[in-house]
Amino acid sequence: NGLCCSQYGFCGTTSQYCSRANGCQSN
């Protein structure tokens, strides 16, 4: 469903969740 989760466990679909520069990984 395109959801990304940040290193802190918060999930969303915007770049703040999906940006690899923020240490995030897509599921």
PDB file of N, CA and C in Angstrom:
ATOM      1  N   ASN A   1       0.818  -1.220   0.000  1.00  0.00           N
ATOM      2  CA  ASN A   1       0.000   0.000   0.000  1.00  0.00           C
ATOM      3  C   ASN A   1       0.845   1.261   0.000  1.00  0.00           C
ATOM      4  N   GLY A   2       2.146   1.107  -0.183  1.00  0.00           N
ATOM      5  CA  GLY A   2       3.023   2.256  -0.302  1.00  0.00           C
ATOM      6  C   GLY A   2       3.360   2.931   1.011  1.00  0.00           C
ATOM      7  N   LEU A   3       3.036   2.274   2.130  1.00  0.00           N
ATOM      8  CA  LEU A   3       3.299   2.871   3.435  1.00  0.00           C
ATOM      9  C   LEU A   3       4.769   2.722   3.804  1.00  0.00           C
ATOM     10  N   CYS A   4       5.358   3.789   4.354  1.00  0.00           N
ATOM     11  CA  CYS A   4       6.745   3.748   4.808  1.00  0.00           C
ATOM     12  C   CYS A   4       6.774   3.950   6.315  1.00  0.00           C
ATOM     13  N   CYS A   5       7.696   3.290   6.968  1.00  0.00           N
ATOM     14  CA  CYS A   5       7.829   3.437   8.418  1.00  0.00           C
ATOM     15  C   CYS A   5       9.196   4.010   8.769  1.00  0.00           C
ATOM     16  N   SER A   6       9.219   5.011   9.643  1.00  0.00           N
ATOM     17  CA  SER A   6      10.473   5.630  10.053  1.00  0.00           C
ATOM     18  C   SER A   6      11.181   4.785  11.094  1.00  0.00           C
ATOM     19  N   GLN A   7      12.393   5.208  11.434  1.00  0.00           N
ATOM     20  CA  GLN A   7      13.192   4.475  12.419  1.00  0.00           C
ATOM     21  C   GLN A   7      12.550   4.518  13.798  1.00  0.00           C
ATOM     22  N   TYR A   8      11.588   5.409  13.989  1.00  0.00           N
ATOM     23  CA  TYR A   8      10.930   5.523  15.291  1.00  0.00           C
ATOM     24  C   TYR A   8       9.619   4.754  15.339  1.00  0.00           C
ATOM     25  N   GLY A   9       9.251   4.110  14.235  1.00  0.00           N
ATOM     26  CA  GLY A   9       8.052   3.293  14.215  1.00  0.00           C
ATOM     27  C   GLY A   9       6.799   4.019  13.758  1.00  0.00           C
ATOM     28  N   PHE A  10       6.949   5.280  13.331  1.00  0.00           N
ATOM     29  CA  PHE A  10       5.805   5.998  12.800  1.00  0.00           C
ATOM     30  C   PHE A  10       5.698   5.714  11.308  1.00  0.00           C
ATOM     31  N   CYS A  11       4.487   5.571  10.817  1.00  0.00           N
ATOM     32  CA  CYS A  11       4.301   5.209   9.416  1.00  0.00           C
ATOM     33  C   CYS A  11       3.466   6.245   8.678  1.00  0.00           C
ATOM     34  N   GLY A  12       3.727   6.385   7.386  1.00  0.00           N
ATOM     35  CA  GLY A  12       2.971   7.291   6.543  1.00  0.00           C
ATOM     36  C   GLY A  12       3.402   7.138   5.109  1.00  0.00           C
ATOM     37  N   THR A  13       2.866   7.990   4.239  1.00  0.00           N
ATOM     38  CA  THR A  13       3.155   7.871   2.820  1.00  0.00           C
ATOM     39  C   THR A  13       3.903   9.082   2.272  1.00  0.00           C
ATOM     40  N   THR A  14       4.142  10.088   3.119  1.00  0.00           N
ATOM     41  CA  THR A  14       4.811  11.295   2.649  1.00  0.00           C
ATOM     42  C   THR A  14       6.323  11.144   2.728  1.00  0.00           C
ATOM     43  N   SER A  15       7.042  12.097   2.164  1.00  0.00           N
ATOM     44  CA  SER A  15       8.494  11.994   2.072  1.00  0.00           C
ATOM     45  C   SER A  15       9.168  12.014   3.430  1.00  0.00           C
ATOM     46  N   GLN A  16       8.506  12.590   4.429  1.00  0.00           N
ATOM     47  CA  GLN A  16       9.122  12.631   5.764  1.00  0.00           C
ATOM     48  C   GLN A  16       9.189  11.241   6.373  1.00  0.00           C
ATOM     49  N   TYR A  17       8.319  10.344   5.890  1.00  0.00           N
ATOM     50  CA  TYR A  17       8.366   8.958   6.351  1.00  0.00           C
ATOM     51  C   TYR A  17       9.207   8.105   5.407  1.00  0.00           C
ATOM     52  N   CYS A  18       9.203   8.453   4.123  1.00  0.00           N
ATOM     53  CA  CYS A  18       9.810   7.587   3.114  1.00  0.00           C
ATOM     54  C   CYS A  18      11.228   8.004   2.751  1.00  0.00           C
ATOM     55  N   SER A  19      11.668   9.168   3.212  1.00  0.00           N
ATOM     56  CA  SER A  19      12.992   9.650   2.833  1.00  0.00           C
ATOM     57  C   SER A  19      14.094   8.833   3.478  1.00  0.00           C
ATOM     58  N   ARG A  20      14.999   8.299   2.640  1.00  0.00           N
ATOM     59  CA  ARG A  20      16.125   7.540   3.174  1.00  0.00           C
ATOM     60  C   ARG A  20      17.086   8.444   3.937  1.00  0.00           C
ATOM     61  N   ALA A  21      17.064   9.744   3.631  1.00  0.00           N
ATOM     62  CA  ALA A  21      17.916  10.688   4.351  1.00  0.00           C
ATOM     63  C   ALA A  21      17.488  10.806   5.810  1.00  0.00           C
ATOM     64  N   ASN A  22      16.239  10.430   6.093  1.00  0.00           N
ATOM     65  CA  ASN A  22      15.742  10.466   7.465  1.00  0.00           C
ATOM     66  C   ASN A  22      15.890   9.121   8.151  1.00  0.00           C
ATOM     67  N   GLY A  23      16.592   8.192   7.508  1.00  0.00           N
ATOM     68  CA  GLY A  23      16.813   6.891   8.120  1.00  0.00           C
ATOM     69  C   GLY A  23      15.620   5.966   8.012  1.00  0.00           C
ATOM     70  N   CYS A  24      14.771   6.211   7.005  1.00  0.00           N
ATOM     71  CA  CYS A  24      13.551   5.425   6.871  1.00  0.00           C
ATOM     72  C   CYS A  24      13.717   4.340   5.821  1.00  0.00           C
ATOM     73  N   GLN A  25      12.918   3.306   5.944  1.00  0.00           N
ATOM     74  CA  GLN A  25      12.918   2.222   4.981  1.00  0.00           C
ATOM     75  C   GLN A  25      11.489   1.913   4.584  1.00  0.00           C
ATOM     76  N   SER A  26      11.277   1.688   3.289  1.00  0.00           N
ATOM     77  CA  SER A  26       9.943   1.317   2.842  1.00  0.00           C
ATOM     78  C   SER A  26       9.688  -0.144   3.144  1.00  0.00           C
ATOM     79  N   ASN A  27       8.440  -0.486   3.373  1.00  0.00           N
ATOM     80  CA  ASN A  27       8.089  -1.867   3.703  1.00  0.00           C
ATOM     81  C   ASN A  27       7.756  -2.644   2.440  1.00  0.00           C
TER      82      ASN A  27
END
